[in-house]
Each structure stands twice: as C-alpha cells, then as structure tokens.
Amino acid sequence: CAAALAVLDAIETDGLVARAAALGRRIAAGLRAVEDPLIAGVRGRGLLLALVLAEPVAPAVEAAAREAGFLVNAVAPDAVRLAPPLVLSEQQADRFLVAVPAILRAAKTAVTGARVGSP
C-alpha cells in the first residue's frame, strides 16, 4: 500500500494527468498535421492514442517505428497504438512526430516490396 500511495502522490504532485492530457493533444494534433494518405485519423485520449490507417499495414508501421527507435503496437490491421510513459518529454514527442513521415514511407516500401514477389 505504501508503494501505491507513493505512486499516486507522485502522479498528483508532478501533475502527470494534466500533463498527459496536454501532451496527448499535442501529439494528436501533430499526427493530424502529417499529410500522408495512409493516415485516416487519430483517436484516443491523453497519451493513449491510436493512429488509424487507411490501409491494413499496421504491422509494417510497427516494424518501421521500431527500426526508427520508437515502440508502438499494431492493435488491428489498420491501427497502431501509441502508449508512451507519462514522463514523456515534449522533445521526445516532437522527435516521434518528426519521424512519422519516414516511418510511414518505410512501412509502405516494406509492404510494396513484399507484394512485388508475391504470386
């Protein structure tokens, strides 16, 4: 119980809930600003977000993001979950947003390359 109370105290003292909400809005707006036909939308709240894709290429996006140094989850064929830690910095969020176009290009290339040799 003492550990749980310490965590709750840290969340309240550091304002992590309000910070997560603000940073989540920043990330969602940044993703919506990316001009790529593969992005169909963004959903979620706070730092628990999903990048909704126009095509079922989420596993390729997950792999490309991992290759770029970011951990995301393909939770559906057309959705990638973003669930960064509450202590994510603005700089880390911005680095991800800057990397998104290259991640999407790499995912498209991987999917297209996989289709080239298919019967």
PDB file of N, CA and C in Angstrom:
ATOM      1  N   CYS A   1       0.821  -1.191   0.000  1.00  0.00           N
ATOM      2  CA  CYS A   1       0.000   0.000   0.000  1.00  0.00           C
ATOM      3  C   CYS A   1       0.866   1.256   0.000  1.00  0.00           C
ATOM      4  N   ALA A   2       1.977   1.206   0.713  1.00  0.00           N
ATOM      5  CA  ALA A   2       2.844   2.381   0.775  1.00  0.00           C
ATOM      6  C   ALA A   2       3.381   2.729  -0.612  1.00  0.00           C
ATOM      7  N   ALA A   3       3.749   1.717  -1.385  1.00  0.00           N
ATOM      8  CA  ALA A   3       4.256   1.962  -2.744  1.00  0.00           C
ATOM      9  C   ALA A   3       3.160   2.566  -3.619  1.00  0.00           C
ATOM     10  N   ALA A   4       1.959   2.035  -3.529  1.00  0.00           N
ATOM     11  CA  ALA A   4       0.848   2.555  -4.329  1.00  0.00           C
ATOM     12  C   ALA A   4       0.547   4.000  -3.947  1.00  0.00           C
ATOM     13  N   LEU A   5       0.559   4.301  -2.668  1.00  0.00           N
ATOM     14  CA  LEU A   5       0.315   5.672  -2.221  1.00  0.00           C
ATOM     15  C   LEU A   5       1.411   6.619  -2.701  1.00  0.00           C
ATOM     16  N   ALA A   6       2.657   6.132  -2.715  1.00  0.00           N
ATOM     17  CA  ALA A   6       3.770   6.952  -3.207  1.00  0.00           C
ATOM     18  C   ALA A   6       3.599   7.255  -4.692  1.00  0.00           C
ATOM     19  N   VAL A   7       3.165   6.269  -5.464  1.00  0.00           N
ATOM     20  CA  VAL A   7       2.929   6.474  -6.891  1.00  0.00           C
ATOM     21  C   VAL A   7       1.802   7.482  -7.093  1.00  0.00           C
ATOM     22  N   LEU A   8       0.708   7.314  -6.386  1.00  0.00           N
ATOM     23  CA  LEU A   8      -0.413   8.248  -6.509  1.00  0.00           C
ATOM     24  C   LEU A   8       0.008   9.658  -6.115  1.00  0.00           C
ATOM     25  N   ASP A   9       0.824   9.767  -5.075  1.00  0.00           N
ATOM     26  CA  ASP A   9       1.326  11.069  -4.647  1.00  0.00           C
ATOM     27  C   ASP A   9       2.188  11.702  -5.738  1.00  0.00           C
ATOM     28  N   ALA A  10       3.052  10.909  -6.354  1.00  0.00           N
ATOM     29  CA  ALA A  10       3.905  11.426  -7.432  1.00  0.00           C
ATOM     30  C   ALA A  10       3.072  11.870  -8.630  1.00  0.00           C
ATOM     31  N   ILE A  11       2.063  11.113  -8.973  1.00  0.00           N
ATOM     32  CA  ILE A  11       1.188  11.477 -10.089  1.00  0.00           C
ATOM     33  C   ILE A  11       0.519  12.813  -9.810  1.00  0.00           C
ATOM     34  N   GLU A  12       0.042  12.996  -8.585  1.00  0.00           N
ATOM     35  CA  GLU A  12      -0.631  14.249  -8.222  1.00  0.00           C
ATOM     36  C   GLU A  12       0.358  15.403  -8.099  1.00  0.00           C
ATOM     37  N   THR A  13       1.442  15.184  -7.411  1.00  0.00           N
ATOM     38  CA  THR A  13       2.432  16.240  -7.182  1.00  0.00           C
ATOM     39  C   THR A  13       3.052  16.725  -8.481  1.00  0.00           C
ATOM     40  N   ASP A  14       3.365  15.821  -9.367  1.00  0.00           N
ATOM     41  CA  ASP A  14       4.011  16.176 -10.636  1.00  0.00           C
ATOM     42  C   ASP A  14       3.016  16.591 -11.719  1.00  0.00           C
ATOM     43  N   GLY A  15       1.718  16.527 -11.406  1.00  0.00           N
ATOM     44  CA  GLY A  15       0.704  16.933 -12.378  1.00  0.00           C
ATOM     45  C   GLY A  15       0.699  16.084 -13.627  1.00  0.00           C
ATOM     46  N   LEU A  16       0.950  14.784 -13.456  1.00  0.00           N
ATOM     47  CA  LEU A  16       1.108  13.916 -14.620  1.00  0.00           C
ATOM     48  C   LEU A  16      -0.178  13.726 -15.423  1.00  0.00           C
ATOM     49  N   VAL A  17      -1.326  13.779 -14.784  1.00  0.00           N
ATOM     50  CA  VAL A  17      -2.577  13.589 -15.526  1.00  0.00           C
ATOM     51  C   VAL A  17      -2.829  14.772 -16.457  1.00  0.00           C
ATOM     52  N   ALA A  18      -2.688  15.985 -15.936  1.00  0.00           N
ATOM     53  CA  ALA A  18      -2.884  17.175 -16.773  1.00  0.00           C
ATOM     54  C   ALA A  18      -1.814  17.239 -17.866  1.00  0.00           C
ATOM     55  N   ARG A  19      -0.602  16.878 -17.511  1.00  0.00           N
ATOM     56  CA  ARG A  19       0.498  16.891 -18.472  1.00  0.00           C
ATOM     57  C   ARG A  19       0.246  15.873 -19.582  1.00  0.00           C
ATOM     58  N   ALA A  20      -0.236  14.688 -19.215  1.00  0.00           N
ATOM     59  CA  ALA A  20      -0.541  13.652 -20.209  1.00  0.00           C
ATOM     60  C   ALA A  20      -1.642  14.123 -21.155  1.00  0.00           C
ATOM     61  N   ALA A  21      -2.631  14.808 -20.619  1.00  0.00           N
ATOM     62  CA  ALA A  21      -3.719  15.317 -21.464  1.00  0.00           C
ATOM     63  C   ALA A  21      -3.184  16.346 -22.456  1.00  0.00           C
ATOM     64  N   ALA A  22      -2.378  17.271 -21.976  1.00  0.00           N
ATOM     65  CA  ALA A  22      -1.834  18.319 -22.846  1.00  0.00           C
ATOM     66  C   ALA A  22      -0.885  17.737 -23.888  1.00  0.00           C
ATOM     67  N   LEU A  23      -0.016  16.845 -23.471  1.00  0.00           N
ATOM     68  CA  LEU A  23       0.936  16.249 -24.407  1.00  0.00           C
ATOM     69  C   LEU A  23       0.217  15.343 -25.411  1.00  0.00           C
ATOM     70  N   GLY A  24      -0.824  14.666 -24.956  1.00  0.00           N
ATOM     71  CA  GLY A  24      -1.625  13.845 -25.865  1.00  0.00           C
ATOM     72  C   GLY A  24      -2.284  14.690 -26.946  1.00  0.00           C
ATOM     73  N   ARG A  25      -2.793  15.858 -26.553  1.00  0.00           N
ATOM     74  CA  ARG A  25      -3.388  16.766 -27.550  1.00  0.00           C
ATOM     75  C   ARG A  25      -2.324  17.226 -28.543  1.00  0.00           C
ATOM     76  N   ARG A  26      -1.131  17.495 -28.036  1.00  0.00           N
ATOM     77  CA  ARG A  26      -0.025  17.938 -28.903  1.00  0.00           C
ATOM     78  C   ARG A  26       0.345  16.852 -29.913  1.00  0.00           C
ATOM     79  N   ILE A  27       0.442  15.610 -29.444  1.00  0.00           N
ATOM     80  CA  ILE A  27       0.800  14.502 -30.334  1.00  0.00           C
ATOM     81  C   ILE A  27      -0.316  14.264 -31.355  1.00  0.00           C
ATOM     82  N   ALA A  28      -1.561  14.256 -30.888  1.00  0.00           N
ATOM     83  CA  ALA A  28      -2.685  14.028 -31.803  1.00  0.00           C
ATOM     84  C   ALA A  28      -2.729  15.111 -32.878  1.00  0.00           C
ATOM     85  N   ALA A  29      -2.546  16.361 -32.487  1.00  0.00           N
ATOM     86  CA  ALA A  29      -2.546  17.455 -33.467  1.00  0.00           C
ATOM     87  C   ALA A  29      -1.378  17.304 -34.441  1.00  0.00           C
ATOM     88  N   GLY A  30      -0.227  16.897 -33.928  1.00  0.00           N
ATOM     89  CA  GLY A  30       0.935  16.692 -34.789  1.00  0.00           C
ATOM     90  C   GLY A  30       0.711  15.577 -35.793  1.00  0.00           C
ATOM     91  N   LEU A  31       0.064  14.500 -35.356  1.00  0.00           N
ATOM     92  CA  LEU A  31      -0.230  13.400 -36.276  1.00  0.00           C
ATOM     93  C   LEU A  31      -1.251  13.820 -37.320  1.00  0.00           C
ATOM     94  N   ARG A  32      -2.253  14.582 -36.897  1.00  0.00           N
ATOM     95  CA  ARG A  32      -3.267  15.046 -37.854  1.00  0.00           C
ATOM     96  C   ARG A  32      -2.661  15.999 -38.891  1.00  0.00           C
ATOM     97  N   ALA A  33      -1.587  16.666 -38.515  1.00  0.00           N
ATOM     98  CA  ALA A  33      -0.941  17.614 -39.424  1.00  0.00           C
ATOM     99  C   ALA A  33      -0.068  16.929 -40.477  1.00  0.00           C
ATOM    100  N   VAL A  34       0.253  15.653 -40.255  1.00  0.00           N
ATOM    101  CA  VAL A  34       1.072  14.934 -41.227  1.00  0.00           C
ATOM    102  C   VAL A  34       0.221  14.689 -42.467  1.00  0.00           C
ATOM    103  N   GLU A  35       0.702  15.159 -43.583  1.00  0.00           N
ATOM    104  CA  GLU A  35      -0.039  14.996 -44.832  1.00  0.00           C
ATOM    105  C   GLU A  35       0.409  13.717 -45.527  1.00  0.00           C
ATOM    106  N   ASP A  36      -0.283  12.647 -45.215  1.00  0.00           N
ATOM    107  CA  ASP A  36       0.013  11.349 -45.810  1.00  0.00           C
ATOM    108  C   ASP A  36      -1.308  10.609 -45.981  1.00  0.00           C
ATOM    109  N   PRO A  37      -1.593  10.103 -47.173  1.00  0.00           N
ATOM    110  CA  PRO A  37      -2.866   9.424 -47.399  1.00  0.00           C
ATOM    111  C   PRO A  37      -3.028   8.151 -46.569  1.00  0.00           C
ATOM    112  N   LEU A  38      -1.957   7.664 -45.994  1.00  0.00           N
ATOM    113  CA  LEU A  38      -2.054   6.467 -45.160  1.00  0.00           C
ATOM    114  C   LEU A  38      -2.714   6.768 -43.821  1.00  0.00           C
ATOM    115  N   ILE A  39      -2.691   8.016 -43.391  1.00  0.00           N
ATOM    116  CA  ILE A  39      -3.293   8.384 -42.105  1.00  0.00           C
ATOM    117  C   ILE A  39      -4.775   8.669 -42.322  1.00  0.00           C
ATOM    118  N   ALA A  40      -5.610   7.862 -41.671  1.00  0.00           N
ATOM    119  CA  ALA A  40      -7.060   8.038 -41.760  1.00  0.00           C
ATOM    120  C   ALA A  40      -7.596   8.815 -40.566  1.00  0.00           C
ATOM    121  N   GLY A  41      -6.833   8.890 -39.487  1.00  0.00           N
ATOM    122  CA  GLY A  41      -7.290   9.626 -38.311  1.00  0.00           C
ATOM    123  C   GLY A  41      -6.490   9.281 -37.077  1.00  0.00           C
ATOM    124  N   VAL A  42      -6.855   9.929 -36.003  1.00  0.00           N
ATOM    125  CA  VAL A  42      -6.238   9.703 -34.693  1.00  0.00           C
ATOM    126  C   VAL A  42      -7.380   9.599 -33.693  1.00  0.00           C
ATOM    127  N   ARG A  43      -7.299   8.635 -32.805  1.00  0.00           N
ATOM    128  CA  ARG A  43      -8.319   8.516 -31.766  1.00  0.00           C
ATOM    129  C   ARG A  43      -7.637   8.251 -30.435  1.00  0.00           C
ATOM    130  N   GLY A  44      -8.385   8.460 -29.381  1.00  0.00           N
ATOM    131  CA  GLY A  44      -7.860   8.209 -28.049  1.00  0.00           C
ATOM    132  C   GLY A  44      -7.918   9.440 -27.187  1.00  0.00           C
ATOM    133  N   ARG A  45      -7.296   9.310 -26.017  1.00  0.00           N
ATOM    134  CA  ARG A  45      -7.337  10.389 -25.032  1.00  0.00           C
ATOM    135  C   ARG A  45      -6.054  10.373 -24.235  1.00  0.00           C
ATOM    136  N   GLY A  46      -5.553  11.549 -23.909  1.00  0.00           N
ATOM    137  CA  GLY A  46      -4.306  11.629 -23.165  1.00  0.00           C
ATOM    138  C   GLY A  46      -3.184  11.043 -24.003  1.00  0.00           C
ATOM    139  N   LEU A  47      -2.340  10.270 -23.359  1.00  0.00           N
ATOM    140  CA  LEU A  47      -1.231   9.649 -24.076  1.00  0.00           C
ATOM    141  C   LEU A  47      -1.566   8.265 -24.619  1.00  0.00           C
ATOM    142  N   LEU A  48      -2.788   7.806 -24.430  1.00  0.00           N
ATOM    143  CA  LEU A  48      -3.210   6.529 -25.003  1.00  0.00           C
ATOM    144  C   LEU A  48      -3.951   6.841 -26.302  1.00  0.00           C
ATOM    145  N   LEU A  49      -3.204   6.802 -27.390  1.00  0.00           N
ATOM    146  CA  LEU A  49      -3.725   7.199 -28.696  1.00  0.00           C
ATOM    147  C   LEU A  49      -3.597   6.058 -29.696  1.00  0.00           C
ATOM    148  N   ALA A  50      -4.355   6.156 -30.759  1.00  0.00           N
ATOM    149  CA  ALA A  50      -4.220   5.214 -31.872  1.00  0.00           C
ATOM    150  C   ALA A  50      -4.136   6.002 -33.155  1.00  0.00           C
ATOM    151  N   LEU A  51      -3.189   5.640 -33.968  1.00  0.00           N
ATOM    152  CA  LEU A  51      -3.066   6.186 -35.316  1.00  0.00           C
ATOM    153  C   LEU A  51      -3.859   5.251 -36.219  1.00  0.00           C
ATOM    154  N   VAL A  52      -4.927   5.744 -36.785  1.00  0.00           N
ATOM    155  CA  VAL A  52      -5.791   4.935 -37.645  1.00  0.00           C
ATOM    156  C   VAL A  52      -5.279   5.063 -39.078  1.00  0.00           C
ATOM    157  N   LEU A  53      -5.090   3.924 -39.702  1.00  0.00           N
ATOM    158  CA  LEU A  53      -4.504   3.876 -41.040  1.00  0.00           C
ATOM    159  C   LEU A  53      -5.567   3.610 -42.098  1.00  0.00           C
ATOM    160  N   ALA A  54      -5.343   4.116 -43.285  1.00  0.00           N
ATOM    161  CA  ALA A  54      -6.285   3.933 -44.389  1.00  0.00           C
ATOM    162  C   ALA A  54      -6.145   2.566 -45.041  1.00  0.00           C
ATOM    163  N   GLU A  55      -5.078   1.850 -44.729  1.00  0.00           N
ATOM    164  CA  GLU A  55      -4.840   0.514 -45.277  1.00  0.00           C
ATOM    165  C   GLU A  55      -4.417  -0.419 -44.145  1.00  0.00           C
ATOM    166  N   PRO A  56      -4.572  -1.720 -44.320  1.00  0.00           N
ATOM    167  CA  PRO A  56      -4.205  -2.675 -43.268  1.00  0.00           C
ATOM    168  C   PRO A  56      -2.696  -2.964 -43.238  1.00  0.00           C
ATOM    169  N   VAL A  57      -1.918  -1.944 -42.879  1.00  0.00           N
ATOM    170  CA  VAL A  57      -0.460  -2.067 -42.878  1.00  0.00           C
ATOM    171  C   VAL A  57       0.142  -1.808 -41.494  1.00  0.00           C
ATOM    172  N   ALA A  58      -0.664  -1.930 -40.446  1.00  0.00           N
ATOM    173  CA  ALA A  58      -0.187  -1.625 -39.091  1.00  0.00           C
ATOM    174  C   ALA A  58       1.055  -2.434 -38.693  1.00  0.00           C
ATOM    175  N   PRO A  59       1.132  -3.737 -39.016  1.00  0.00           N
ATOM    176  CA  PRO A  59       2.356  -4.458 -38.650  1.00  0.00           C
ATOM    177  C   PRO A  59       3.611  -3.867 -39.299  1.00  0.00           C
ATOM    178  N   ALA A  60       3.499  -3.393 -40.533  1.00  0.00           N
ATOM    179  CA  ALA A  60       4.642  -2.777 -41.205  1.00  0.00           C
ATOM    180  C   ALA A  60       4.993  -1.441 -40.562  1.00  0.00           C
ATOM    181  N   VAL A  61       3.984  -0.691 -40.121  1.00  0.00           N
ATOM    182  CA  VAL A  61       4.230   0.581 -39.436  1.00  0.00           C
ATOM    183  C   VAL A  61       4.903   0.306 -38.098  1.00  0.00           C
ATOM    184  N   GLU A  62       4.438  -0.705 -37.389  1.00  0.00           N
ATOM    185  CA  GLU A  62       5.061  -1.071 -36.112  1.00  0.00           C
ATOM    186  C   GLU A  62       6.535  -1.424 -36.308  1.00  0.00           C
ATOM    187  N   ALA A  63       6.831  -2.224 -37.320  1.00  0.00           N
ATOM    188  CA  ALA A  63       8.218  -2.632 -37.580  1.00  0.00           C
ATOM    189  C   ALA A  63       9.075  -1.431 -37.977  1.00  0.00           C
ATOM    190  N   ALA A  64       8.542  -0.542 -38.807  1.00  0.00           N
ATOM    191  CA  ALA A  64       9.297   0.641 -39.225  1.00  0.00           C
ATOM    192  C   ALA A  64       9.542   1.581 -38.048  1.00  0.00           C
ATOM    193  N   ALA A  65       8.556   1.717 -37.183  1.00  0.00           N
ATOM    194  CA  ALA A  65       8.724   2.562 -35.995  1.00  0.00           C
ATOM    195  C   ALA A  65       9.788   1.972 -35.069  1.00  0.00           C
ATOM    196  N   ARG A  66       9.756   0.671 -34.893  1.00  0.00           N
ATOM    197  CA  ARG A  66      10.767   0.007 -34.045  1.00  0.00           C
ATOM    198  C   ARG A  66      12.160   0.213 -34.621  1.00  0.00           C
ATOM    199  N   GLU A  67      12.276   0.095 -35.934  1.00  0.00           N
ATOM    200  CA  GLU A  67      13.558   0.303 -36.605  1.00  0.00           C
ATOM    201  C   GLU A  67      14.051   1.734 -36.398  1.00  0.00           C
ATOM    202  N   ALA A  68      13.110   2.679 -36.294  1.00  0.00           N
ATOM    203  CA  ALA A  68      13.455   4.087 -36.083  1.00  0.00           C
ATOM    204  C   ALA A  68      13.672   4.409 -34.601  1.00  0.00           C
ATOM    205  N   GLY A  69      13.446   3.416 -33.725  1.00  0.00           N
ATOM    206  CA  GLY A  69      13.693   3.624 -32.301  1.00  0.00           C
ATOM    207  C   GLY A  69      12.470   3.961 -31.470  1.00  0.00           C
ATOM    208  N   PHE A  70      11.271   3.703 -32.011  1.00  0.00           N
ATOM    209  CA  PHE A  70      10.034   4.007 -31.300  1.00  0.00           C
ATOM    210  C   PHE A  70       9.222   2.732 -31.108  1.00  0.00           C
ATOM    211  N   LEU A  71       8.631   2.578 -29.937  1.00  0.00           N
ATOM    212  CA  LEU A  71       7.801   1.406 -29.658  1.00  0.00           C
ATOM    213  C   LEU A  71       6.334   1.773 -29.781  1.00  0.00           C
ATOM    214  N   VAL A  72       5.651   1.125 -30.697  1.00  0.00           N
ATOM    215  CA  VAL A  72       4.214   1.255 -30.888  1.00  0.00           C
ATOM    216  C   VAL A  72       3.670  -0.164 -31.059  1.00  0.00           C
ATOM    217  N   ASN A  73       2.349  -0.305 -30.982  1.00  0.00           N
ATOM    218  CA  ASN A  73       1.736  -1.624 -31.128  1.00  0.00           C
ATOM    219  C   ASN A  73       0.734  -1.622 -32.264  1.00  0.00           C
ATOM    220  N   ALA A  74       0.830  -2.614 -33.143  1.00  0.00           N
ATOM    221  CA  ALA A  74      -0.205  -2.821 -34.155  1.00  0.00           C
ATOM    222  C   ALA A  74      -1.336  -3.569 -33.461  1.00  0.00           C
ATOM    223  N   VAL A  75      -2.409  -2.859 -33.125  1.00  0.00           N
ATOM    224  CA  VAL A  75      -3.501  -3.469 -32.371  1.00  0.00           C
ATOM    225  C   VAL A  75      -4.643  -3.937 -33.265  1.00  0.00           C
ATOM    226  N   ALA A  76      -4.586  -3.566 -34.514  1.00  0.00           N
ATOM    227  CA  ALA A  76      -5.547  -4.001 -35.525  1.00  0.00           C
ATOM    228  C   ALA A  76      -4.825  -3.864 -36.862  1.00  0.00           C
ATOM    229  N   PRO A  77      -5.328  -4.481 -37.903  1.00  0.00           N
ATOM    230  CA  PRO A  77      -4.651  -4.360 -39.197  1.00  0.00           C
ATOM    231  C   PRO A  77      -4.483  -2.909 -39.653  1.00  0.00           C
ATOM    232  N   ASP A  78      -5.397  -2.034 -39.192  1.00  0.00           N
ATOM    233  CA  ASP A  78      -5.349  -0.635 -39.632  1.00  0.00           C
ATOM    234  C   ASP A  78      -5.214   0.355 -38.470  1.00  0.00           C
ATOM    235  N   ALA A  79      -4.647  -0.078 -37.348  1.00  0.00           N
ATOM    236  CA  ALA A  79      -4.496   0.822 -36.202  1.00  0.00           C
ATOM    237  C   ALA A  79      -3.215   0.509 -35.435  1.00  0.00           C
ATOM    238  N   VAL A  80      -2.526   1.573 -35.066  1.00  0.00           N
ATOM    239  CA  VAL A  80      -1.289   1.461 -34.298  1.00  0.00           C
ATOM    240  C   VAL A  80      -1.486   2.229 -33.001  1.00  0.00           C
ATOM    241  N   ARG A  81      -1.269   1.547 -31.875  1.00  0.00           N
ATOM    242  CA  ARG A  81      -1.429   2.180 -30.565  1.00  0.00           C
ATOM    243  C   ARG A  81      -0.148   2.886 -30.157  1.00  0.00           C
ATOM    244  N   LEU A  82      -0.321   4.096 -29.633  1.00  0.00           N
ATOM    245  CA  LEU A  82       0.773   4.849 -29.032  1.00  0.00           C
ATOM    246  C   LEU A  82       0.463   4.910 -27.547  1.00  0.00           C
ATOM    247  N   ALA A  83       1.355   4.446 -26.720  1.00  0.00           N
ATOM    248  CA  ALA A  83       1.138   4.462 -25.274  1.00  0.00           C
ATOM    249  C   ALA A  83       2.451   4.797 -24.579  1.00  0.00           C
ATOM    250  N   PRO A  84       2.942   6.026 -24.792  1.00  0.00           N
ATOM    251  CA  PRO A  84       4.215   6.395 -24.175  1.00  0.00           C
ATOM    252  C   PRO A  84       4.058   6.558 -22.660  1.00  0.00           C
ATOM    253  N   PRO A  85       5.162   6.572 -21.941  1.00  0.00           N
ATOM    254  CA  PRO A  85       5.081   6.738 -20.490  1.00  0.00           C
ATOM    255  C   PRO A  85       4.612   8.154 -20.135  1.00  0.00           C
ATOM    256  N   LEU A  86       4.044   8.305 -18.952  1.00  0.00           N
ATOM    257  CA  LEU A  86       3.560   9.604 -18.502  1.00  0.00           C
ATOM    258  C   LEU A  86       4.682  10.632 -18.370  1.00  0.00           C
ATOM    259  N   VAL A  87       5.902  10.174 -18.271  1.00  0.00           N
ATOM    260  CA  VAL A  87       7.035  11.089 -18.117  1.00  0.00           C
ATOM    261  C   VAL A  87       7.661  11.461 -19.463  1.00  0.00           C
ATOM    262  N   LEU A  88       6.992  11.162 -20.561  1.00  0.00           N
ATOM    263  CA  LEU A  88       7.471  11.527 -21.889  1.00  0.00           C
ATOM    264  C   LEU A  88       7.710  13.030 -21.947  1.00  0.00           C
ATOM    265  N   SER A  89       8.839  13.435 -22.506  1.00  0.00           N
ATOM    266  CA  SER A  89       9.129  14.868 -22.625  1.00  0.00           C
ATOM    267  C   SER A  89       8.568  15.409 -23.941  1.00  0.00           C
ATOM    268  N   GLU A  90       8.433  16.718 -24.008  1.00  0.00           N
ATOM    269  CA  GLU A  90       7.980  17.361 -25.240  1.00  0.00           C
ATOM    270  C   GLU A  90       8.969  17.084 -26.367  1.00  0.00           C
ATOM    271  N   GLN A  91      10.255  17.086 -26.039  1.00  0.00           N
ATOM    272  CA  GLN A  91      11.278  16.829 -27.050  1.00  0.00           C
ATOM    273  C   GLN A  91      11.158  15.412 -27.609  1.00  0.00           C
ATOM    274  N   GLN A  92      10.882  14.439 -26.753  1.00  0.00           N
ATOM    275  CA  GLN A  92      10.708  13.069 -27.221  1.00  0.00           C
ATOM    276  C   GLN A  92       9.467  12.957 -28.108  1.00  0.00           C
ATOM    277  N   ALA A  93       8.391  13.625 -27.720  1.00  0.00           N
ATOM    278  CA  ALA A  93       7.170  13.615 -28.535  1.00  0.00           C
ATOM    279  C   ALA A  93       7.439  14.248 -29.892  1.00  0.00           C
ATOM    280  N   ASP A  94       8.164  15.358 -29.886  1.00  0.00           N
ATOM    281  CA  ASP A  94       8.482  16.041 -31.145  1.00  0.00           C
ATOM    282  C   ASP A  94       9.370  15.187 -32.041  1.00  0.00           C
ATOM    283  N   ARG A  95      10.325  14.466 -31.441  1.00  0.00           N
ATOM    284  CA  ARG A  95      11.179  13.570 -32.244  1.00  0.00           C
ATOM    285  C   ARG A  95      10.336  12.511 -32.933  1.00  0.00           C
ATOM    286  N   PHE A  96       9.355  11.977 -32.224  1.00  0.00           N
ATOM    287  CA  PHE A  96       8.462  10.983 -32.830  1.00  0.00           C
ATOM    288  C   PHE A  96       7.682  11.602 -33.978  1.00  0.00           C
ATOM    289  N   LEU A  97       7.106  12.786 -33.746  1.00  0.00           N
ATOM    290  CA  LEU A  97       6.308  13.430 -34.788  1.00  0.00           C
ATOM    291  C   LEU A  97       7.137  13.742 -36.029  1.00  0.00           C
ATOM    292  N   VAL A  98       8.368  14.136 -35.838  1.00  0.00           N
ATOM    293  CA  VAL A  98       9.251  14.402 -36.978  1.00  0.00           C
ATOM    294  C   VAL A  98       9.542  13.106 -37.739  1.00  0.00           C
ATOM    295  N   ALA A  99       9.615  11.988 -37.016  1.00  0.00           N
ATOM    296  CA  ALA A  99       9.953  10.701 -37.623  1.00  0.00           C
ATOM    297  C   ALA A  99       8.768  10.034 -38.327  1.00  0.00           C
ATOM    298  N   VAL A 100       7.549  10.424 -38.018  1.00  0.00           N
ATOM    299  CA  VAL A 100       6.365   9.731 -38.550  1.00  0.00           C
ATOM    300  C   VAL A 100       6.348   9.650 -40.080  1.00  0.00           C
ATOM    301  N   PRO A 101       6.599  10.727 -40.824  1.00  0.00           N
ATOM    302  CA  PRO A 101       6.563  10.589 -42.284  1.00  0.00           C
ATOM    303  C   PRO A 101       7.538   9.529 -42.806  1.00  0.00           C
ATOM    304  N   ALA A 102       8.742   9.483 -42.258  1.00  0.00           N
ATOM    305  CA  ALA A 102       9.717   8.471 -42.697  1.00  0.00           C
ATOM    306  C   ALA A 102       9.268   7.071 -42.283  1.00  0.00           C
ATOM    307  N   ILE A 103       8.656   6.954 -41.135  1.00  0.00           N
ATOM    308  CA  ILE A 103       8.146   5.658 -40.677  1.00  0.00           C
ATOM    309  C   ILE A 103       7.070   5.164 -41.649  1.00  0.00           C
ATOM    310  N   LEU A 104       6.166   6.042 -42.032  1.00  0.00           N
ATOM    311  CA  LEU A 104       5.100   5.654 -42.966  1.00  0.00           C
ATOM    312  C   LEU A 104       5.664   5.294 -44.335  1.00  0.00           C
ATOM    313  N   ARG A 105       6.654   6.068 -44.803  1.00  0.00           N
ATOM    314  CA  ARG A 105       7.296   5.733 -46.093  1.00  0.00           C
ATOM    315  C   ARG A 105       7.955   4.359 -46.028  1.00  0.00           C
ATOM    316  N   ALA A 106       8.659   4.084 -44.936  1.00  0.00           N
ATOM    317  CA  ALA A 106       9.333   2.786 -44.782  1.00  0.00           C
ATOM    318  C   ALA A 106       8.312   1.650 -44.744  1.00  0.00           C
ATOM    319  N   ALA A 107       7.198   1.879 -44.067  1.00  0.00           N
ATOM    320  CA  ALA A 107       6.149   0.847 -43.999  1.00  0.00           C
ATOM    321  C   ALA A 107       5.564   0.583 -45.378  1.00  0.00           C
ATOM    322  N   LYS A 108       5.301   1.649 -46.134  1.00  0.00           N
ATOM    323  CA  LYS A 108       4.758   1.480 -47.488  1.00  0.00           C
ATOM    324  C   LYS A 108       5.745   0.738 -48.376  1.00  0.00           C
ATOM    325  N   THR A 109       7.020   1.080 -48.250  1.00  0.00           N
ATOM    326  CA  THR A 109       8.051   0.409 -49.040  1.00  0.00           C
ATOM    327  C   THR A 109       8.120  -1.066 -48.680  1.00  0.00           C
ATOM    328  N   ALA A 110       8.041  -1.377 -47.395  1.00  0.00           N
ATOM    329  CA  ALA A 110       8.097  -2.782 -46.959  1.00  0.00           C
ATOM    330  C   ALA A 110       6.908  -3.569 -47.492  1.00  0.00           C
ATOM    331  N   VAL A 111       5.724  -2.967 -47.454  1.00  0.00           N
ATOM    332  CA  VAL A 111       4.526  -3.656 -47.944  1.00  0.00           C
ATOM    333  C   VAL A 111       4.584  -3.806 -49.450  1.00  0.00           C
ATOM    334  N   THR A 112       4.979  -2.769 -50.151  1.00  0.00           N
ATOM    335  CA  THR A 112       5.071  -2.816 -51.608  1.00  0.00           C
ATOM    336  C   THR A 112       6.115  -3.841 -52.046  1.00  0.00           C
ATOM    337  N   GLY A 113       7.264  -3.842 -51.367  1.00  0.00           N
ATOM    338  CA  GLY A 113       8.312  -4.814 -51.677  1.00  0.00           C
ATOM    339  C   GLY A 113       7.858  -6.231 -51.439  1.00  0.00           C
ATOM    340  N   ALA A 114       7.053  -6.447 -50.411  1.00  0.00           N
ATOM    341  CA  ALA A 114       6.541  -7.797 -50.113  1.00  0.00           C
ATOM    342  C   ALA A 114       5.576  -8.245 -51.197  1.00  0.00           C
ATOM    343  N   ARG A 115       4.839  -7.312 -51.779  1.00  0.00           N
ATOM    344  CA  ARG A 115       3.849  -7.653 -52.813  1.00  0.00           C
ATOM    345  C   ARG A 115       4.515  -7.931 -54.162  1.00  0.00           C
ATOM    346  N   VAL A 116       5.674  -7.325 -54.406  1.00  0.00           N
ATOM    347  CA  VAL A 116       6.331  -7.474 -55.713  1.00  0.00           C
ATOM    348  C   VAL A 116       6.614  -8.928 -56.039  1.00  0.00           C
ATOM    349  N   GLY A 117       7.117  -9.675 -55.074  1.00  0.00           N
ATOM    350  CA  GLY A 117       7.462 -11.072 -55.327  1.00  0.00           C
ATOM    351  C   GLY A 117       6.335 -12.047 -55.117  1.00  0.00           C
ATOM    352  N   SER A 118       5.153 -11.549 -54.712  1.00  0.00           N
ATOM    353  CA  SER A 118       4.016 -12.431 -54.443  1.00  0.00           C
ATOM    354  C   SER A 118       3.388 -12.909 -55.728  1.00  0.00           C
ATOM    355  N   PRO A 119       2.832 -14.132 -55.722  1.00  0.00           N
ATOM    356  CA  PRO A 119       2.151 -14.621 -56.930  1.00  0.00           C
ATOM    357  C   PRO A 119       0.847 -13.927 -57.188  1.00  0.00           C
TER     358      PRO A 119
END
